[in-house]
Amino acid sequence: QPLPTDASPTALLLGYIDESNLEEDEETMRRILLTILPMEETMMIMSHLMMTMMMMMMLKRMRRRMRRRST
């Protein structure tokens, strides 16, 4: 005779689901992706902006050094 699903130690974990509903799972995945993808895009934009700012700062320093050397 098989044990009931709640007899397993895994069943005691928070968030454990003993039965799965495919439609709800697909909807949950869709919501997660709609949340994660914009976050990834934002991180990419922020990373690009940071690199651009660093390059601008480096160029500014180089120009200052060049001006100092030429005078």
PDB file of N, CA and C in Angstrom:
ATOM      1  N   GLN A   1       0.856  -1.186   0.000  1.00  0.00           N
ATOM      2  CA  GLN A   1       0.000   0.000   0.000  1.00  0.00           C
ATOM      3  C   GLN A   1       0.901   1.247   0.000  1.00  0.00           C
ATOM      4  N   PRO A   2       0.714   2.148  -0.988  1.00  0.00           N
ATOM      5  CA  PRO A   2       1.561   3.346  -1.057  1.00  0.00           C
ATOM      6  C   PRO A   2       1.253   4.327   0.060  1.00  0.00           C
ATOM      7  N   LEU A   3       2.279   5.072   0.446  1.00  0.00           N
ATOM      8  CA  LEU A   3       2.112   6.095   1.482  1.00  0.00           C
ATOM      9  C   LEU A   3       1.392   7.311   0.905  1.00  0.00           C
ATOM     10  N   PRO A   4       0.648   8.026   1.736  1.00  0.00           N
ATOM     11  CA  PRO A   4       0.040   9.275   1.266  1.00  0.00           C
ATOM     12  C   PRO A   4       1.128  10.305   0.964  1.00  0.00           C
ATOM     13  N   THR A   5       0.814  11.262   0.085  1.00  0.00           N
ATOM     14  CA  THR A   5       1.831  12.231  -0.335  1.00  0.00           C
ATOM     15  C   THR A   5       2.319  13.084   0.818  1.00  0.00           C
ATOM     16  N   ASP A   6       1.490  13.350   1.810  1.00  0.00           N
ATOM     17  CA  ASP A   6       1.931  14.199   2.916  1.00  0.00           C
ATOM     18  C   ASP A   6       2.764  13.449   3.948  1.00  0.00           C
ATOM     19  N   ALA A   7       3.015  12.152   3.720  1.00  0.00           N
ATOM     20  CA  ALA A   7       3.869  11.387   4.630  1.00  0.00           C
ATOM     21  C   ALA A   7       5.349  11.588   4.288  1.00  0.00           C
ATOM     22  N   SER A   8       5.634  12.134   3.137  1.00  0.00           N
ATOM     23  CA  SER A   8       7.010  12.356   2.704  1.00  0.00           C
ATOM     24  C   SER A   8       7.599  13.581   3.394  1.00  0.00           C
ATOM     25  N   PRO A   9       8.897  13.541   3.781  1.00  0.00           N
ATOM     26  CA  PRO A   9       9.525  14.734   4.369  1.00  0.00           C
ATOM     27  C   PRO A   9       9.525  15.916   3.398  1.00  0.00           C
ATOM     28  N   THR A  10       9.546  15.618   2.105  1.00  0.00           N
ATOM     29  CA  THR A  10       9.505  16.685   1.102  1.00  0.00           C
ATOM     30  C   THR A  10       8.202  17.459   1.201  1.00  0.00           C
ATOM     31  N   ALA A  11       7.129  16.775   1.543  1.00  0.00           N
ATOM     32  CA  ALA A  11       5.818  17.424   1.632  1.00  0.00           C
ATOM     33  C   ALA A  11       5.780  18.461   2.745  1.00  0.00           C
ATOM     34  N   LEU A  12       6.694  18.360   3.696  1.00  0.00           N
ATOM     35  CA  LEU A  12       6.719  19.319   4.794  1.00  0.00           C
ATOM     36  C   LEU A  12       7.407  20.626   4.410  1.00  0.00           C
ATOM     37  N   LEU A  13       8.130  20.640   3.284  1.00  0.00           N
ATOM     38  CA  LEU A  13       8.821  21.847   2.847  1.00  0.00           C
ATOM     39  C   LEU A  13       7.824  22.920   2.433  1.00  0.00           C
ATOM     40  N   LEU A  14       8.185  24.173   2.711  1.00  0.00           N
ATOM     41  CA  LEU A  14       7.329  25.270   2.277  1.00  0.00           C
ATOM     42  C   LEU A  14       7.291  25.316   0.759  1.00  0.00           C
ATOM     43  N   GLY A  15       6.129  25.545   0.209  1.00  0.00           N
ATOM     44  CA  GLY A  15       5.994  25.660  -1.234  1.00  0.00           C
ATOM     45  C   GLY A  15       5.864  24.330  -1.950  1.00  0.00           C
ATOM     46  N   TYR A  16       5.842  23.216  -1.204  1.00  0.00           N
ATOM     47  CA  TYR A  16       5.687  21.913  -1.844  1.00  0.00           C
ATOM     48  C   TYR A  16       4.274  21.766  -2.374  1.00  0.00           C
ATOM     49  N   ILE A  17       4.169  21.287  -3.607  1.00  0.00           N
ATOM     50  CA  ILE A  17       2.854  21.067  -4.219  1.00  0.00           C
ATOM     51  C   ILE A  17       2.777  19.595  -4.585  1.00  0.00           C
ATOM     52  N   ASP A  18       1.796  18.897  -4.040  1.00  0.00           N
ATOM     53  CA  ASP A  18       1.708  17.468  -4.322  1.00  0.00           C
ATOM     54  C   ASP A  18       0.974  17.185  -5.625  1.00  0.00           C
ATOM     55  N   GLU A  19       0.144  18.087  -6.074  1.00  0.00           N
ATOM     56  CA  GLU A  19      -0.530  17.918  -7.354  1.00  0.00           C
ATOM     57  C   GLU A  19      -0.249  19.150  -8.196  1.00  0.00           C
ATOM     58  N   SER A  20      -0.050  18.937  -9.466  1.00  0.00           N
ATOM     59  CA  SER A  20       0.301  20.040 -10.347  1.00  0.00           C
ATOM     60  C   SER A  20      -0.810  20.287 -11.353  1.00  0.00           C
ATOM     61  N   ASN A  21      -1.083  21.558 -11.606  1.00  0.00           N
ATOM     62  CA  ASN A  21      -2.057  21.949 -12.606  1.00  0.00           C
ATOM     63  C   ASN A  21      -1.277  22.609 -13.734  1.00  0.00           C
ATOM     64  N   LEU A  22      -1.243  21.979 -14.899  1.00  0.00           N
ATOM     65  CA  LEU A  22      -0.420  22.446 -16.008  1.00  0.00           C
ATOM     66  C   LEU A  22      -0.787  23.863 -16.436  1.00  0.00           C
ATOM     67  N   GLU A  23      -2.074  24.177 -16.484  1.00  0.00           N
ATOM     68  CA  GLU A  23      -2.488  25.522 -16.902  1.00  0.00           C
ATOM     69  C   GLU A  23      -2.006  26.577 -15.906  1.00  0.00           C
ATOM     70  N   GLU A  24      -2.138  26.291 -14.618  1.00  0.00           N
ATOM     71  CA  GLU A  24      -1.662  27.234 -13.602  1.00  0.00           C
ATOM     72  C   GLU A  24      -0.141  27.355 -13.647  1.00  0.00           C
ATOM     73  N   ASP A  25       0.549  26.234 -13.886  1.00  0.00           N
ATOM     74  CA  ASP A  25       2.006  26.265 -13.979  1.00  0.00           C
ATOM     75  C   ASP A  25       2.460  27.128 -15.152  1.00  0.00           C
ATOM     76  N   GLU A  26       1.781  26.991 -16.294  1.00  0.00           N
ATOM     77  CA  GLU A  26       2.131  27.801 -17.463  1.00  0.00           C
ATOM     78  C   GLU A  26       1.888  29.276 -17.182  1.00  0.00           C
ATOM     79  N   GLU A  27       0.785  29.584 -16.527  1.00  0.00           N
ATOM     80  CA  GLU A  27       0.477  30.980 -16.193  1.00  0.00           C
ATOM     81  C   GLU A  27       1.513  31.535 -15.215  1.00  0.00           C
ATOM     82  N   THR A  28       1.911  30.725 -14.247  1.00  0.00           N
ATOM     83  CA  THR A  28       2.926  31.157 -13.290  1.00  0.00           C
ATOM     84  C   THR A  28       4.251  31.419 -14.004  1.00  0.00           C
ATOM     85  N   MET A  29       4.654  30.511 -14.892  1.00  0.00           N
ATOM     86  CA  MET A  29       5.894  30.702 -15.642  1.00  0.00           C
ATOM     87  C   MET A  29       5.816  31.958 -16.505  1.00  0.00           C
ATOM     88  N   ARG A  30       4.674  32.192 -17.115  1.00  0.00           N
ATOM     89  CA  ARG A  30       4.497  33.384 -17.946  1.00  0.00           C
ATOM     90  C   ARG A  30       4.670  34.640 -17.100  1.00  0.00           C
ATOM     91  N   ARG A  31       4.073  34.651 -15.902  1.00  0.00           N
ATOM     92  CA  ARG A  31       4.204  35.809 -15.010  1.00  0.00           C
ATOM     93  C   ARG A  31       5.651  36.007 -14.571  1.00  0.00           C
ATOM     94  N   ILE A  32       6.328  34.907 -14.256  1.00  0.00           N
ATOM     95  CA  ILE A  32       7.728  34.993 -13.833  1.00  0.00           C
ATOM     96  C   ILE A  32       8.586  35.559 -14.961  1.00  0.00           C
ATOM     97  N   LEU A  33       8.385  35.052 -16.179  1.00  0.00           N
ATOM     98  CA  LEU A  33       9.165  35.546 -17.312  1.00  0.00           C
ATOM     99  C   LEU A  33       8.887  37.010 -17.587  1.00  0.00           C
ATOM    100  N   LEU A  34       7.631  37.417 -17.464  1.00  0.00           N
ATOM    101  CA  LEU A  34       7.299  38.822 -17.693  1.00  0.00           C
ATOM    102  C   LEU A  34       7.915  39.718 -16.630  1.00  0.00           C
ATOM    103  N   THR A  35       8.233  39.157 -15.477  1.00  0.00           N
ATOM    104  CA  THR A  35       8.897  39.919 -14.421  1.00  0.00           C
ATOM    105  C   THR A  35      10.407  39.925 -14.625  1.00  0.00           C
ATOM    106  N   ILE A  36      10.968  38.770 -14.967  1.00  0.00           N
ATOM    107  CA  ILE A  36      12.418  38.635 -15.072  1.00  0.00           C
ATOM    108  C   ILE A  36      12.976  39.335 -16.305  1.00  0.00           C
ATOM    109  N   LEU A  37      12.326  39.186 -17.451  1.00  0.00           N
ATOM    110  CA  LEU A  37      12.876  39.751 -18.682  1.00  0.00           C
ATOM    111  C   LEU A  37      13.061  41.259 -18.610  1.00  0.00           C
ATOM    112  N   PRO A  38      12.072  42.026 -18.141  1.00  0.00           N
ATOM    113  CA  PRO A  38      12.331  43.467 -18.021  1.00  0.00           C
ATOM    114  C   PRO A  38      13.466  43.776 -17.044  1.00  0.00           C
ATOM    115  N   MET A  39      13.610  42.957 -15.998  1.00  0.00           N
ATOM    116  CA  MET A  39      14.698  43.179 -15.053  1.00  0.00           C
ATOM    117  C   MET A  39      16.040  42.953 -15.740  1.00  0.00           C
ATOM    118  N   GLU A  40      16.126  41.919 -16.581  1.00  0.00           N
ATOM    119  CA  GLU A  40      17.370  41.658 -17.301  1.00  0.00           C
ATOM    120  C   GLU A  40      17.678  42.790 -18.272  1.00  0.00           C
ATOM    121  N   GLU A  41      16.635  43.278 -18.958  1.00  0.00           N
ATOM    122  CA  GLU A  41      16.841  44.403 -19.872  1.00  0.00           C
ATOM    123  C   GLU A  41      17.342  45.624 -19.107  1.00  0.00           C
ATOM    124  N   THR A  42      16.749  45.868 -17.955  1.00  0.00           N
ATOM    125  CA  THR A  42      17.162  47.008 -17.138  1.00  0.00           C
ATOM    126  C   THR A  42      18.610  46.853 -16.699  1.00  0.00           C
ATOM    127  N   MET A  43      18.985  45.650 -16.289  1.00  0.00           N
ATOM    128  CA  MET A  43      20.366  45.409 -15.870  1.00  0.00           C
ATOM    129  C   MET A  43      21.337  45.627 -17.033  1.00  0.00           C
ATOM    130  N   MET A  44      20.956  45.194 -18.227  1.00  0.00           N
ATOM    131  CA  MET A  44      21.811  45.396 -19.396  1.00  0.00           C
ATOM    132  C   MET A  44      21.966  46.882 -19.697  1.00  0.00           C
ATOM    133  N   ILE A  45      20.872  47.623 -19.612  1.00  0.00           N
ATOM    134  CA  ILE A  45      20.929  49.066 -19.865  1.00  0.00           C
ATOM    135  C   ILE A  45      21.805  49.741 -18.822  1.00  0.00           C
ATOM    136  N   MET A  46      21.621  49.368 -17.555  1.00  0.00           N
ATOM    137  CA  MET A  46      22.427  49.965 -16.487  1.00  0.00           C
ATOM    138  C   MET A  46      23.908  49.642 -16.684  1.00  0.00           C
ATOM    139  N   SER A  47      24.194  48.421 -17.065  1.00  0.00           N
ATOM    140  CA  SER A  47      25.578  48.025 -17.303  1.00  0.00           C
ATOM    141  C   SER A  47      26.171  48.846 -18.446  1.00  0.00           C
ATOM    142  N   HIS A  48      25.417  49.013 -19.505  1.00  0.00           N
ATOM    143  CA  HIS A  48      25.882  49.808 -20.641  1.00  0.00           C
ATOM    144  C   HIS A  48      26.122  51.257 -20.225  1.00  0.00           C
ATOM    145  N   LEU A  49      25.202  51.811 -19.454  1.00  0.00           N
ATOM    146  CA  LEU A  49      25.359  53.188 -18.996  1.00  0.00           C
ATOM    147  C   LEU A  49      26.593  53.349 -18.115  1.00  0.00           C
ATOM    148  N   MET A  50      26.822  52.389 -17.235  1.00  0.00           N
ATOM    149  CA  MET A  50      27.995  52.456 -16.364  1.00  0.00           C
ATOM    150  C   MET A  50      29.285  52.404 -17.183  1.00  0.00           C
ATOM    151  N   MET A  51      29.327  51.507 -18.174  1.00  0.00           N
ATOM    152  CA  MET A  51      30.526  51.427 -19.009  1.00  0.00           C
ATOM    153  C   MET A  51      30.727  52.719 -19.791  1.00  0.00           C
ATOM    154  N   THR A  52      29.639  53.285 -20.297  1.00  0.00           N
ATOM    155  CA  THR A  52      29.738  54.537 -21.042  1.00  0.00           C
ATOM    156  C   THR A  52      30.254  55.655 -20.148  1.00  0.00           C
ATOM    157  N   MET A  53      29.736  55.737 -18.934  1.00  0.00           N
ATOM    158  CA  MET A  53      30.187  56.772 -18.001  1.00  0.00           C
ATOM    159  C   MET A  53      31.664  56.596 -17.662  1.00  0.00           C
ATOM    160  N   MET A  54      32.090  55.354 -17.455  1.00  0.00           N
ATOM    161  CA  MET A  54      33.496  55.104 -17.149  1.00  0.00           C
ATOM    162  C   MET A  54      34.389  55.521 -18.313  1.00  0.00           C
ATOM    163  N   MET A  55      33.963  55.215 -19.527  1.00  0.00           N
ATOM    164  CA  MET A  55      34.744  55.612 -20.702  1.00  0.00           C
ATOM    165  C   MET A  55      34.822  57.129 -20.816  1.00  0.00           C
ATOM    166  N   MET A  56      33.710  57.794 -20.547  1.00  0.00           N
ATOM    167  CA  MET A  56      33.703  59.256 -20.612  1.00  0.00           C
ATOM    168  C   MET A  56      34.642  59.851 -19.571  1.00  0.00           C
ATOM    169  N   MET A  57      34.646  59.282 -18.374  1.00  0.00           N
ATOM    170  CA  MET A  57      35.542  59.767 -17.324  1.00  0.00           C
ATOM    171  C   MET A  57      37.003  59.546 -17.714  1.00  0.00           C
ATOM    172  N   MET A  58      37.299  58.385 -18.284  1.00  0.00           N
ATOM    173  CA  MET A  58      38.671  58.107 -18.710  1.00  0.00           C
ATOM    174  C   MET A  58      39.112  59.073 -19.801  1.00  0.00           C
ATOM    175  N   LEU A  59      38.235  59.342 -20.758  1.00  0.00           N
ATOM    176  CA  LEU A  59      38.578  60.285 -21.824  1.00  0.00           C
ATOM    177  C   LEU A  59      38.807  61.683 -21.276  1.00  0.00           C
ATOM    178  N   LYS A  60      37.993  62.064 -20.316  1.00  0.00           N
ATOM    179  CA  LYS A  60      38.146  63.385 -19.699  1.00  0.00           C
ATOM    180  C   LYS A  60      39.509  63.496 -19.013  1.00  0.00           C
ATOM    181  N   ARG A  61      39.888  62.456 -18.268  1.00  0.00           N
ATOM    182  CA  ARG A  61      41.200  62.447 -17.607  1.00  0.00           C
ATOM    183  C   ARG A  61      42.331  62.498 -18.620  1.00  0.00           C
ATOM    184  N   MET A  62      42.191  61.746 -19.704  1.00  0.00           N
ATOM    185  CA  MET A  62      43.230  61.734 -20.731  1.00  0.00           C
ATOM    186  C   MET A  62      43.375  63.113 -21.367  1.00  0.00           C
ATOM    187  N   ARG A  63      42.261  63.768 -21.621  1.00  0.00           N
ATOM    188  CA  ARG A  63      42.315  65.110 -22.208  1.00  0.00           C
ATOM    189  C   ARG A  63      43.005  66.088 -21.265  1.00  0.00           C
ATOM    190  N   ARG A  64      42.689  65.991 -19.974  1.00  0.00           N
ATOM    191  CA  ARG A  64      43.346  66.862 -18.990  1.00  0.00           C
ATOM    192  C   ARG A  64      44.854  66.647 -18.996  1.00  0.00           C
ATOM    193  N   ARG A  65      45.265  65.380 -18.997  1.00  0.00           N
ATOM    194  CA  ARG A  65      46.695  65.063 -19.006  1.00  0.00           C
ATOM    195  C   ARG A  65      47.366  65.595 -20.267  1.00  0.00           C
ATOM    196  N   MET A  66      46.681  65.448 -21.386  1.00  0.00           N
ATOM    197  CA  MET A  66      47.247  65.933 -22.650  1.00  0.00           C
ATOM    198  C   MET A  66      47.395  67.452 -22.627  1.00  0.00           C
ATOM    199  N   ARG A  67      46.415  68.147 -22.061  1.00  0.00           N
ATOM    200  CA  ARG A  67      46.491  69.606 -21.959  1.00  0.00           C
ATOM    201  C   ARG A  67      47.649  70.026 -21.064  1.00  0.00           C
ATOM    202  N   ARG A  68      47.800  69.309 -19.932  1.00  0.00           N
ATOM    203  CA  ARG A  68      48.892  69.630 -19.003  1.00  0.00           C
ATOM    204  C   ARG A  68      50.248  69.436 -19.665  1.00  0.00           C
ATOM    205  N   ARG A  69      50.385  68.379 -20.425  1.00  0.00           N
ATOM    206  CA  ARG A  69      51.664  68.082 -21.073  1.00  0.00           C
ATOM    207  C   ARG A  69      51.974  69.082 -22.180  1.00  0.00           C
ATOM    208  N   SER A  70      50.943  69.552 -22.856  1.00  0.00           N
ATOM    209  CA  SER A  70      51.182  70.463 -23.979  1.00  0.00           C
ATOM    210  C   SER A  70      51.490  71.884 -23.523  1.00  0.00           C
ATOM    211  N   THR A  71      51.134  72.242 -22.292  1.00  0.00           N
ATOM    212  CA  THR A  71      51.407  73.613 -21.808  1.00  0.00           C
ATOM    213  C   THR A  71      52.686  73.693 -21.027  1.00  0.00           C
TER     214      THR A  71
END
